Amino acid sequence: MSFFLSLLLTTQAVALPGDEAVPPVDWARQLGIEEEQRDPATGEFPVAPYRQSNANAGATPVGGNRLADQFGGQAGIRDVTDRLVAISLEDPRISATFKGHDMVRLRRTLFEQVCYLLNAGCDYSGRDMQSAHRDMGLQMDDLNALVENLQQAMREKRIPFSSQNRLLAKLAPMKNDVVQP
């Protein structure tokens, strides 16, 4: 592939002395490649339509709001989920998994999912777990690394251990929808 890229770059017209300047070729336009535009309101790339439902979150929320309070409400939950994404992007075990994905959308839907599951007053607008992770080739080692990163994020935010375990218990059954056989 790099040979062809080099060939394309070297075959662009070069202005010779006395010639009018030749503008560079816009190869993306010439080849009909459209640049995806982020939604100006959300900052996210557009996605194909799907049925939005809280059922897509993968589990039902906990009862009451005590667990949400132990996470610091919506602000605390956002801190944990944002930190989880940051740790995971730097984790050499799983960082490649996130390449090419819309991180704005991931941060939003991850926050919504955890917020919904902790009964902190959010709705989940993302895809169901099986659709969201289809064809990613995720293995149990990938999921284990993500769980370790979530545990680290919760520890850093001083979430009580019993509260951490209650969230992990809500998330654990989703492994069958996320991990590829």
N, C-alpha and C. Protein backbone atom coordinates (compact mmCIF):
# COMPACT_ATOMS: atom_id res chain seq x y z
N MET A 1 0.82 -1.19 0.00
CA MET A 1 0.00 0.00 0.00
C MET A 1 0.87 1.25 0.00
N SER A 2 1.96 1.26 0.74
CA SER A 2 2.78 2.46 0.80
C SER A 2 3.43 2.74 -0.56
N PHE A 3 3.70 1.68 -1.36
CA PHE A 3 4.25 1.88 -2.69
C PHE A 3 3.28 2.70 -3.54
N PHE A 4 1.99 2.34 -3.48
CA PHE A 4 1.00 3.05 -4.28
C PHE A 4 0.82 4.48 -3.80
N LEU A 5 0.87 4.69 -2.50
CA LEU A 5 0.78 6.04 -1.97
C LEU A 5 1.95 6.87 -2.46
N SER A 6 3.16 6.30 -2.43
CA SER A 6 4.35 7.00 -2.92
C SER A 6 4.20 7.31 -4.40
N LEU A 7 3.70 6.35 -5.15
CA LEU A 7 3.49 6.55 -6.58
C LEU A 7 2.50 7.68 -6.84
N LEU A 8 1.41 7.72 -6.10
CA LEU A 8 0.43 8.79 -6.26
C LEU A 8 1.04 10.15 -5.96
N LEU A 9 1.83 10.20 -4.90
CA LEU A 9 2.43 11.47 -4.51
C LEU A 9 3.46 11.95 -5.53
N THR A 10 4.22 11.03 -6.10
CA THR A 10 5.25 11.43 -7.06
C THR A 10 4.69 11.72 -8.43
N THR A 11 3.49 11.27 -8.74
CA THR A 11 2.92 11.51 -10.06
C THR A 11 2.11 12.79 -10.11
N GLN A 12 1.99 13.50 -9.01
CA GLN A 12 1.29 14.77 -9.06
C GLN A 12 2.10 15.72 -9.94
N ALA A 13 1.38 16.57 -10.64
CA ALA A 13 2.04 17.51 -11.55
C ALA A 13 2.95 18.43 -10.76
N VAL A 14 4.13 18.66 -11.32
CA VAL A 14 5.12 19.56 -10.70
C VAL A 14 5.24 20.77 -11.60
N ALA A 15 5.20 21.95 -11.01
CA ALA A 15 5.32 23.18 -11.80
C ALA A 15 6.76 23.36 -12.23
N LEU A 16 6.94 23.58 -13.51
CA LEU A 16 8.26 23.84 -14.07
C LEU A 16 8.44 25.35 -14.17
N PRO A 17 9.69 25.82 -14.20
CA PRO A 17 9.90 27.27 -14.33
C PRO A 17 9.17 27.80 -15.55
N GLY A 18 8.45 28.88 -15.36
CA GLY A 18 7.70 29.49 -16.46
C GLY A 18 6.28 28.98 -16.55
N ASP A 19 5.96 27.82 -15.98
CA ASP A 19 4.60 27.30 -15.99
C ASP A 19 3.81 27.94 -14.86
N GLU A 20 2.49 27.99 -15.06
CA GLU A 20 1.65 28.44 -13.97
C GLU A 20 1.64 27.35 -12.91
N ALA A 21 1.52 27.74 -11.66
CA ALA A 21 1.50 26.76 -10.57
C ALA A 21 0.33 25.80 -10.74
N VAL A 22 0.61 24.54 -10.57
CA VAL A 22 -0.42 23.51 -10.68
C VAL A 22 -0.87 23.16 -9.26
N PRO A 23 -2.19 23.30 -9.00
CA PRO A 23 -2.65 22.98 -7.63
C PRO A 23 -2.51 21.49 -7.35
N PRO A 24 -2.29 21.13 -6.09
CA PRO A 24 -2.19 19.70 -5.74
C PRO A 24 -3.53 19.01 -5.95
N VAL A 25 -3.48 17.73 -6.20
CA VAL A 25 -4.69 16.94 -6.43
C VAL A 25 -5.31 16.57 -5.08
N ASP A 26 -6.60 16.78 -4.97
CA ASP A 26 -7.34 16.37 -3.78
C ASP A 26 -7.78 14.93 -4.02
N TRP A 27 -6.94 13.98 -3.59
CA TRP A 27 -7.19 12.57 -3.89
C TRP A 27 -8.45 12.04 -3.23
N ALA A 28 -8.75 12.49 -2.04
CA ALA A 28 -9.98 12.02 -1.38
C ALA A 28 -11.19 12.40 -2.22
N ARG A 29 -11.20 13.63 -2.73
CA ARG A 29 -12.32 14.08 -3.57
C ARG A 29 -12.34 13.33 -4.89
N GLN A 30 -11.16 13.16 -5.49
CA GLN A 30 -11.06 12.45 -6.76
C GLN A 30 -11.56 11.01 -6.66
N LEU A 31 -11.29 10.39 -5.51
CA LEU A 31 -11.67 8.99 -5.32
C LEU A 31 -13.06 8.84 -4.71
N GLY A 32 -13.73 9.96 -4.47
CA GLY A 32 -15.09 9.91 -3.94
C GLY A 32 -15.16 9.57 -2.46
N ILE A 33 -14.08 9.83 -1.73
CA ILE A 33 -14.06 9.54 -0.29
C ILE A 33 -14.60 10.76 0.44
N GLU A 34 -15.69 10.54 1.15
CA GLU A 34 -16.28 11.63 1.91
C GLU A 34 -15.79 11.59 3.34
N GLU A 35 -15.42 12.74 3.84
CA GLU A 35 -14.99 12.83 5.23
C GLU A 35 -16.23 12.86 6.11
N GLU A 36 -16.24 11.99 7.14
CA GLU A 36 -17.38 11.99 8.05
C GLU A 36 -17.39 13.29 8.84
N GLN A 37 -18.56 13.84 8.99
CA GLN A 37 -18.72 15.08 9.72
C GLN A 37 -19.34 14.78 11.08
N ARG A 38 -18.76 15.34 12.12
CA ARG A 38 -19.32 15.19 13.46
C ARG A 38 -20.57 16.04 13.60
N ASP A 39 -21.52 15.55 14.37
CA ASP A 39 -22.73 16.29 14.67
C ASP A 39 -22.32 17.55 15.44
N PRO A 40 -22.74 18.73 14.99
CA PRO A 40 -22.31 19.95 15.67
C PRO A 40 -22.82 20.06 17.10
N ALA A 41 -23.93 19.42 17.41
CA ALA A 41 -24.49 19.50 18.76
C ALA A 41 -23.80 18.54 19.72
N THR A 42 -23.53 17.31 19.26
CA THR A 42 -22.99 16.28 20.17
C THR A 42 -21.49 16.06 20.00
N GLY A 43 -20.97 16.40 18.83
CA GLY A 43 -19.56 16.12 18.55
C GLY A 43 -19.32 14.68 18.14
N GLU A 44 -20.40 13.93 17.92
CA GLU A 44 -20.28 12.51 17.56
C GLU A 44 -20.42 12.31 16.06
N PHE A 45 -19.82 11.21 15.57
CA PHE A 45 -20.03 10.82 14.19
C PHE A 45 -21.42 10.20 14.07
N PRO A 46 -22.07 10.34 12.93
CA PRO A 46 -23.40 9.73 12.76
C PRO A 46 -23.30 8.21 12.76
N VAL A 47 -24.36 7.55 13.21
CA VAL A 47 -24.44 6.09 13.20
C VAL A 47 -25.73 5.67 12.52
N ALA A 48 -25.75 4.43 12.06
CA ALA A 48 -26.97 3.89 11.44
C ALA A 48 -28.08 3.85 12.49
N PRO A 49 -29.31 4.06 12.08
CA PRO A 49 -30.42 4.05 13.03
C PRO A 49 -30.56 2.70 13.75
N TYR A 50 -31.04 2.74 14.96
CA TYR A 50 -31.32 1.54 15.75
C TYR A 50 -32.38 1.90 16.78
N ARG A 51 -32.99 0.87 17.37
CA ARG A 51 -34.03 1.09 18.37
C ARG A 51 -33.38 1.44 19.70
N GLN A 52 -33.67 2.62 20.21
CA GLN A 52 -33.12 3.04 21.49
C GLN A 52 -34.05 2.60 22.61
N SER A 53 -33.43 2.03 23.65
CA SER A 53 -34.21 1.54 24.78
C SER A 53 -33.28 1.34 25.97
N ASN A 54 -33.80 1.58 27.16
CA ASN A 54 -33.02 1.29 28.36
C ASN A 54 -32.69 -0.20 28.45
N ALA A 55 -33.50 -1.05 27.81
CA ALA A 55 -33.22 -2.49 27.81
C ALA A 55 -31.89 -2.79 27.15
N ASN A 56 -31.42 -1.89 26.28
CA ASN A 56 -30.11 -2.09 25.62
C ASN A 56 -28.94 -1.99 26.59
N ALA A 57 -29.17 -1.46 27.78
CA ALA A 57 -28.09 -1.30 28.77
C ALA A 57 -27.56 -2.64 29.27
N GLY A 58 -28.28 -3.71 29.04
CA GLY A 58 -27.78 -5.04 29.38
C GLY A 58 -28.19 -5.57 30.73
N ALA A 59 -28.81 -4.75 31.55
CA ALA A 59 -29.28 -5.17 32.88
C ALA A 59 -30.29 -4.14 33.37
N THR A 60 -30.98 -4.52 34.42
CA THR A 60 -31.92 -3.58 35.04
C THR A 60 -31.19 -2.78 36.11
N PRO A 61 -31.67 -1.58 36.41
CA PRO A 61 -30.99 -0.77 37.42
C PRO A 61 -31.18 -1.33 38.83
N VAL A 62 -30.27 -0.95 39.70
CA VAL A 62 -30.40 -1.32 41.11
C VAL A 62 -31.59 -0.57 41.69
N GLY A 63 -32.11 -1.06 42.80
CA GLY A 63 -33.20 -0.36 43.48
C GLY A 63 -32.65 0.76 44.34
N GLY A 64 -33.40 1.83 44.46
CA GLY A 64 -33.00 2.95 45.32
C GLY A 64 -31.85 3.74 44.71
N ASN A 65 -31.43 4.77 45.46
CA ASN A 65 -30.35 5.62 44.95
C ASN A 65 -29.10 5.60 45.82
N ARG A 66 -29.04 4.68 46.77
CA ARG A 66 -27.88 4.61 47.68
C ARG A 66 -26.59 4.34 46.93
N LEU A 67 -26.62 3.41 45.98
CA LEU A 67 -25.41 3.07 45.23
C LEU A 67 -24.97 4.26 44.37
N ALA A 68 -25.91 4.94 43.74
CA ALA A 68 -25.57 6.14 42.96
C ALA A 68 -24.92 7.18 43.85
N ASP A 69 -25.44 7.35 45.06
CA ASP A 69 -24.86 8.30 46.00
C ASP A 69 -23.43 7.91 46.37
N GLN A 70 -23.18 6.62 46.54
CA GLN A 70 -21.82 6.17 46.90
C GLN A 70 -20.83 6.41 45.76
N PHE A 71 -21.33 6.52 44.55
CA PHE A 71 -20.47 6.85 43.40
C PHE A 71 -20.35 8.36 43.21
N GLY A 72 -21.06 9.13 44.02
CA GLY A 72 -20.99 10.58 43.89
C GLY A 72 -22.00 11.16 42.91
N GLY A 73 -23.10 10.43 42.70
CA GLY A 73 -24.12 10.90 41.77
C GLY A 73 -23.61 10.91 40.34
N GLN A 74 -24.31 11.64 39.50
CA GLN A 74 -23.95 11.66 38.08
C GLN A 74 -22.53 12.20 37.85
N ALA A 75 -22.13 13.21 38.59
CA ALA A 75 -20.78 13.77 38.42
C ALA A 75 -19.71 12.74 38.76
N GLY A 76 -19.91 12.00 39.84
CA GLY A 76 -18.96 10.96 40.23
C GLY A 76 -18.92 9.82 39.23
N ILE A 77 -20.09 9.45 38.73
CA ILE A 77 -20.16 8.38 37.72
C ILE A 77 -19.42 8.81 36.46
N ARG A 78 -19.62 10.06 36.05
CA ARG A 78 -18.90 10.57 34.87
C ARG A 78 -17.39 10.55 35.10
N ASP A 79 -16.96 10.91 36.29
CA ASP A 79 -15.52 10.86 36.61
C ASP A 79 -14.98 9.44 36.45
N VAL A 80 -15.72 8.46 36.97
CA VAL A 80 -15.28 7.06 36.90
C VAL A 80 -15.23 6.58 35.46
N THR A 81 -16.29 6.86 34.69
CA THR A 81 -16.32 6.35 33.31
C THR A 81 -15.29 7.07 32.43
N ASP A 82 -15.11 8.37 32.63
CA ASP A 82 -14.08 9.09 31.87
C ASP A 82 -12.69 8.56 32.21
N ARG A 83 -12.47 8.28 33.49
CA ARG A 83 -11.16 7.74 33.91
C ARG A 83 -10.96 6.34 33.35
N LEU A 84 -12.01 5.53 33.32
CA LEU A 84 -11.93 4.19 32.73
C LEU A 84 -11.47 4.28 31.28
N VAL A 85 -12.07 5.18 30.52
CA VAL A 85 -11.70 5.33 29.11
C VAL A 85 -10.25 5.78 29.00
N ALA A 86 -9.84 6.74 29.80
CA ALA A 86 -8.46 7.24 29.75
C ALA A 86 -7.45 6.13 30.07
N ILE A 87 -7.72 5.36 31.11
CA ILE A 87 -6.82 4.26 31.49
C ILE A 87 -6.76 3.23 30.36
N SER A 88 -7.91 2.91 29.79
CA SER A 88 -7.98 1.89 28.74
C SER A 88 -7.26 2.32 27.47
N LEU A 89 -7.34 3.60 27.14
CA LEU A 89 -6.63 4.10 25.96
C LEU A 89 -5.12 4.02 26.11
N GLU A 90 -4.65 4.04 27.36
CA GLU A 90 -3.21 3.95 27.63
C GLU A 90 -2.75 2.53 27.93
N ASP A 91 -3.68 1.61 28.05
CA ASP A 91 -3.36 0.22 28.40
C ASP A 91 -2.93 -0.54 27.15
N PRO A 92 -1.67 -0.96 27.06
CA PRO A 92 -1.21 -1.65 25.85
C PRO A 92 -1.94 -2.97 25.58
N ARG A 93 -2.59 -3.53 26.60
CA ARG A 93 -3.32 -4.78 26.40
C ARG A 93 -4.57 -4.57 25.54
N ILE A 94 -5.20 -3.40 25.65
CA ILE A 94 -6.49 -3.21 24.97
C ILE A 94 -6.60 -1.90 24.21
N SER A 95 -5.58 -1.07 24.21
CA SER A 95 -5.70 0.25 23.57
C SER A 95 -6.06 0.14 22.09
N ALA A 96 -5.56 -0.88 21.40
CA ALA A 96 -5.85 -1.03 19.96
C ALA A 96 -7.34 -1.26 19.71
N THR A 97 -8.04 -1.80 20.69
CA THR A 97 -9.48 -2.04 20.56
C THR A 97 -10.24 -0.75 20.29
N PHE A 98 -9.72 0.35 20.80
CA PHE A 98 -10.43 1.62 20.71
C PHE A 98 -10.07 2.44 19.48
N LYS A 99 -9.04 2.02 18.75
CA LYS A 99 -8.62 2.76 17.55
C LYS A 99 -9.76 2.78 16.53
N GLY A 100 -10.01 3.93 15.98
CA GLY A 100 -11.03 4.06 14.94
C GLY A 100 -12.46 4.16 15.46
N HIS A 101 -12.62 4.19 16.78
CA HIS A 101 -13.97 4.31 17.35
C HIS A 101 -14.22 5.75 17.78
N ASP A 102 -15.45 6.13 17.79
CA ASP A 102 -15.87 7.48 18.18
C ASP A 102 -15.79 7.57 19.71
N MET A 103 -14.72 8.19 20.20
CA MET A 103 -14.52 8.26 21.64
C MET A 103 -15.53 9.19 22.33
N VAL A 104 -16.02 10.18 21.61
CA VAL A 104 -17.05 11.06 22.18
C VAL A 104 -18.30 10.24 22.47
N ARG A 105 -18.71 9.45 21.50
CA ARG A 105 -19.89 8.59 21.67
C ARG A 105 -19.66 7.54 22.74
N LEU A 106 -18.47 6.93 22.75
CA LEU A 106 -18.16 5.91 23.75
C LEU A 106 -18.26 6.49 25.15
N ARG A 107 -17.66 7.64 25.37
CA ARG A 107 -17.72 8.25 26.71
C ARG A 107 -19.17 8.53 27.13
N ARG A 108 -19.95 9.05 26.19
CA ARG A 108 -21.35 9.37 26.51
C ARG A 108 -22.15 8.11 26.84
N THR A 109 -22.07 7.11 25.97
CA THR A 109 -22.91 5.92 26.18
C THR A 109 -22.44 5.10 27.38
N LEU A 110 -21.14 5.07 27.63
CA LEU A 110 -20.64 4.37 28.81
C LEU A 110 -21.14 5.04 30.08
N PHE A 111 -21.07 6.37 30.11
CA PHE A 111 -21.61 7.11 31.24
C PHE A 111 -23.11 6.82 31.41
N GLU A 112 -23.87 6.90 30.30
CA GLU A 112 -25.31 6.65 30.38
C GLU A 112 -25.60 5.25 30.91
N GLN A 113 -24.84 4.27 30.45
CA GLN A 113 -25.08 2.89 30.87
C GLN A 113 -24.86 2.73 32.37
N VAL A 114 -23.72 3.20 32.86
CA VAL A 114 -23.42 3.05 34.29
C VAL A 114 -24.40 3.89 35.11
N CYS A 115 -24.69 5.09 34.66
CA CYS A 115 -25.64 5.95 35.36
C CYS A 115 -27.02 5.29 35.44
N TYR A 116 -27.46 4.69 34.35
CA TYR A 116 -28.75 3.99 34.34
C TYR A 116 -28.72 2.80 35.29
N LEU A 117 -27.66 1.99 35.21
CA LEU A 117 -27.58 0.78 36.05
C LEU A 117 -27.51 1.12 37.54
N LEU A 118 -26.91 2.27 37.88
CA LEU A 118 -26.81 2.68 39.27
C LEU A 118 -28.04 3.47 39.73
N ASN A 119 -29.03 3.60 38.84
CA ASN A 119 -30.28 4.29 39.15
C ASN A 119 -30.04 5.75 39.56
N ALA A 120 -29.16 6.41 38.79
CA ALA A 120 -28.80 7.79 39.08
C ALA A 120 -29.56 8.80 38.22
N GLY A 121 -30.66 8.36 37.60
CA GLY A 121 -31.50 9.29 36.87
C GLY A 121 -31.17 9.48 35.40
N CYS A 122 -30.53 8.50 34.79
CA CYS A 122 -30.19 8.59 33.36
C CYS A 122 -30.94 7.54 32.56
N ASP A 123 -31.11 7.82 31.28
CA ASP A 123 -31.58 6.83 30.32
C ASP A 123 -30.38 6.42 29.48
N TYR A 124 -30.41 5.19 28.99
CA TYR A 124 -29.34 4.68 28.13
C TYR A 124 -29.81 4.76 26.68
N SER A 125 -29.03 5.43 25.84
CA SER A 125 -29.44 5.61 24.44
C SER A 125 -28.55 4.83 23.47
N GLY A 126 -27.63 4.03 23.98
CA GLY A 126 -26.73 3.29 23.11
C GLY A 126 -27.33 2.01 22.56
N ARG A 127 -26.53 1.33 21.78
CA ARG A 127 -26.94 0.05 21.20
C ARG A 127 -26.91 -1.03 22.28
N ASP A 128 -27.56 -2.17 21.98
CA ASP A 128 -27.47 -3.30 22.90
C ASP A 128 -26.03 -3.83 22.86
N MET A 129 -25.65 -4.54 23.90
CA MET A 129 -24.26 -4.97 24.06
C MET A 129 -23.78 -5.87 22.92
N GLN A 130 -24.63 -6.75 22.45
CA GLN A 130 -24.21 -7.66 21.38
C GLN A 130 -23.96 -6.89 20.08
N SER A 131 -24.85 -5.99 19.72
CA SER A 131 -24.66 -5.20 18.51
C SER A 131 -23.48 -4.25 18.63
N ALA A 132 -23.33 -3.64 19.78
CA ALA A 132 -22.25 -2.67 19.97
C ALA A 132 -20.87 -3.31 19.88
N HIS A 133 -20.75 -4.59 20.21
CA HIS A 133 -19.44 -5.26 20.23
C HIS A 133 -19.26 -6.30 19.14
N ARG A 134 -20.25 -6.40 18.26
CA ARG A 134 -20.19 -7.38 17.16
C ARG A 134 -18.96 -7.14 16.29
N ASP A 135 -18.34 -8.22 15.89
CA ASP A 135 -17.19 -8.20 14.97
C ASP A 135 -15.96 -7.48 15.53
N MET A 136 -15.92 -7.25 16.82
CA MET A 136 -14.73 -6.63 17.41
C MET A 136 -13.69 -7.68 17.78
N GLY A 137 -14.12 -8.94 17.83
CA GLY A 137 -13.19 -10.02 18.15
C GLY A 137 -12.70 -10.00 19.59
N LEU A 138 -13.49 -9.47 20.49
CA LEU A 138 -13.08 -9.37 21.89
C LEU A 138 -13.00 -10.75 22.53
N GLN A 139 -11.95 -10.93 23.31
CA GLN A 139 -11.72 -12.19 24.02
C GLN A 139 -11.81 -11.93 25.53
N MET A 140 -11.81 -12.99 26.29
CA MET A 140 -11.94 -12.87 27.75
C MET A 140 -10.79 -12.04 28.34
N ASP A 141 -9.59 -12.17 27.79
CA ASP A 141 -8.46 -11.36 28.28
C ASP A 141 -8.72 -9.87 28.11
N ASP A 142 -9.38 -9.50 27.00
CA ASP A 142 -9.71 -8.09 26.77
C ASP A 142 -10.71 -7.59 27.81
N LEU A 143 -11.71 -8.40 28.08
CA LEU A 143 -12.71 -8.03 29.07
C LEU A 143 -12.10 -7.95 30.46
N ASN A 144 -11.23 -8.90 30.78
CA ASN A 144 -10.56 -8.87 32.09
C ASN A 144 -9.73 -7.59 32.26
N ALA A 145 -9.03 -7.18 31.19
CA ALA A 145 -8.24 -5.95 31.26
C ALA A 145 -9.15 -4.75 31.49
N LEU A 146 -10.29 -4.71 30.80
CA LEU A 146 -11.23 -3.61 30.97
C LEU A 146 -11.77 -3.57 32.40
N VAL A 147 -12.09 -4.74 32.95
CA VAL A 147 -12.59 -4.79 34.33
C VAL A 147 -11.51 -4.32 35.30
N GLU A 148 -10.27 -4.72 35.08
CA GLU A 148 -9.18 -4.24 35.95
C GLU A 148 -9.06 -2.72 35.86
N ASN A 149 -9.23 -2.17 34.67
CA ASN A 149 -9.16 -0.72 34.51
C ASN A 149 -10.33 -0.03 35.19
N LEU A 150 -11.51 -0.64 35.13
CA LEU A 150 -12.66 -0.08 35.83
C LEU A 150 -12.43 -0.12 37.34
N GLN A 151 -11.88 -1.22 37.84
CA GLN A 151 -11.57 -1.30 39.26
C GLN A 151 -10.58 -0.22 39.68
N GLN A 152 -9.57 0.01 38.84
CA GLN A 152 -8.59 1.06 39.14
C GLN A 152 -9.27 2.43 39.18
N ALA A 153 -10.12 2.71 38.20
CA ALA A 153 -10.83 4.00 38.16
C ALA A 153 -11.69 4.18 39.41
N MET A 154 -12.37 3.12 39.83
CA MET A 154 -13.22 3.21 41.02
C MET A 154 -12.38 3.39 42.28
N ARG A 155 -11.25 2.67 42.35
CA ARG A 155 -10.36 2.84 43.52
C ARG A 155 -9.84 4.27 43.61
N GLU A 156 -9.41 4.81 42.46
CA GLU A 156 -8.90 6.18 42.43
C GLU A 156 -9.94 7.19 42.90
N LYS A 157 -11.20 6.92 42.63
CA LYS A 157 -12.29 7.81 43.03
C LYS A 157 -12.85 7.44 44.41
N ARG A 158 -12.17 6.49 45.06
CA ARG A 158 -12.51 6.07 46.43
C ARG A 158 -13.94 5.56 46.57
N ILE A 159 -14.38 4.81 45.57
CA ILE A 159 -15.70 4.17 45.64
C ILE A 159 -15.57 3.00 46.61
N PRO A 160 -16.47 2.86 47.58
CA PRO A 160 -16.38 1.75 48.53
C PRO A 160 -16.34 0.40 47.79
N PHE A 161 -15.54 -0.52 48.31
CA PHE A 161 -15.34 -1.81 47.67
C PHE A 161 -16.65 -2.56 47.45
N SER A 162 -17.54 -2.52 48.43
CA SER A 162 -18.83 -3.23 48.28
C SER A 162 -19.65 -2.60 47.14
N SER A 163 -19.55 -1.30 46.96
CA SER A 163 -20.27 -0.62 45.87
C SER A 163 -19.65 -0.99 44.52
N GLN A 164 -18.34 -1.09 44.48
CA GLN A 164 -17.66 -1.54 43.26
C GLN A 164 -18.19 -2.91 42.85
N ASN A 165 -18.26 -3.80 43.82
CA ASN A 165 -18.72 -5.17 43.55
C ASN A 165 -20.16 -5.22 43.06
N ARG A 166 -21.00 -4.33 43.58
CA ARG A 166 -22.40 -4.31 43.12
C ARG A 166 -22.49 -3.89 41.66
N LEU A 167 -21.67 -2.90 41.25
CA LEU A 167 -21.67 -2.52 39.84
C LEU A 167 -21.11 -3.65 38.98
N LEU A 168 -20.01 -4.24 39.41
CA LEU A 168 -19.41 -5.34 38.64
C LEU A 168 -20.38 -6.51 38.50
N ALA A 169 -21.18 -6.76 39.53
CA ALA A 169 -22.18 -7.84 39.46
C ALA A 169 -23.25 -7.54 38.41
N LYS A 170 -23.56 -6.26 38.21
CA LYS A 170 -24.52 -5.87 37.17
C LYS A 170 -23.91 -6.06 35.78
N LEU A 171 -22.61 -5.79 35.66
CA LEU A 171 -21.94 -5.84 34.36
C LEU A 171 -21.52 -7.25 33.95
N ALA A 172 -21.20 -8.10 34.91
CA ALA A 172 -20.63 -9.42 34.63
C ALA A 172 -21.44 -10.28 33.65
N PRO A 173 -22.76 -10.36 33.77
CA PRO A 173 -23.52 -11.21 32.85
C PRO A 173 -23.45 -10.77 31.39
N MET A 174 -23.00 -9.54 31.14
CA MET A 174 -22.92 -9.03 29.77
C MET A 174 -21.78 -9.65 28.98
N LYS A 175 -20.89 -10.36 29.66
CA LYS A 175 -19.73 -10.94 28.97
C LYS A 175 -20.15 -11.84 27.82
N ASN A 176 -21.28 -12.52 27.96
CA ASN A 176 -21.74 -13.42 26.89
C ASN A 176 -22.13 -12.64 25.63
N ASP A 177 -22.49 -11.39 25.77
CA ASP A 177 -22.85 -10.57 24.63
C ASP A 177 -21.66 -9.82 24.05
N VAL A 178 -20.58 -9.73 24.80
CA VAL A 178 -19.42 -8.92 24.41
C VAL A 178 -18.26 -9.78 23.90
N VAL A 179 -17.99 -10.88 24.58
CA VAL A 179 -16.85 -11.74 24.23
C VAL A 179 -17.21 -12.65 23.06
N GLN A 180 -16.31 -12.75 22.10
CA GLN A 180 -16.51 -13.63 20.94
C GLN A 180 -16.10 -15.05 21.30
N PRO A 181 -16.86 -16.04 20.84
CA PRO A 181 -16.48 -17.43 21.17
C PRO A 181 -15.20 -17.86 20.43
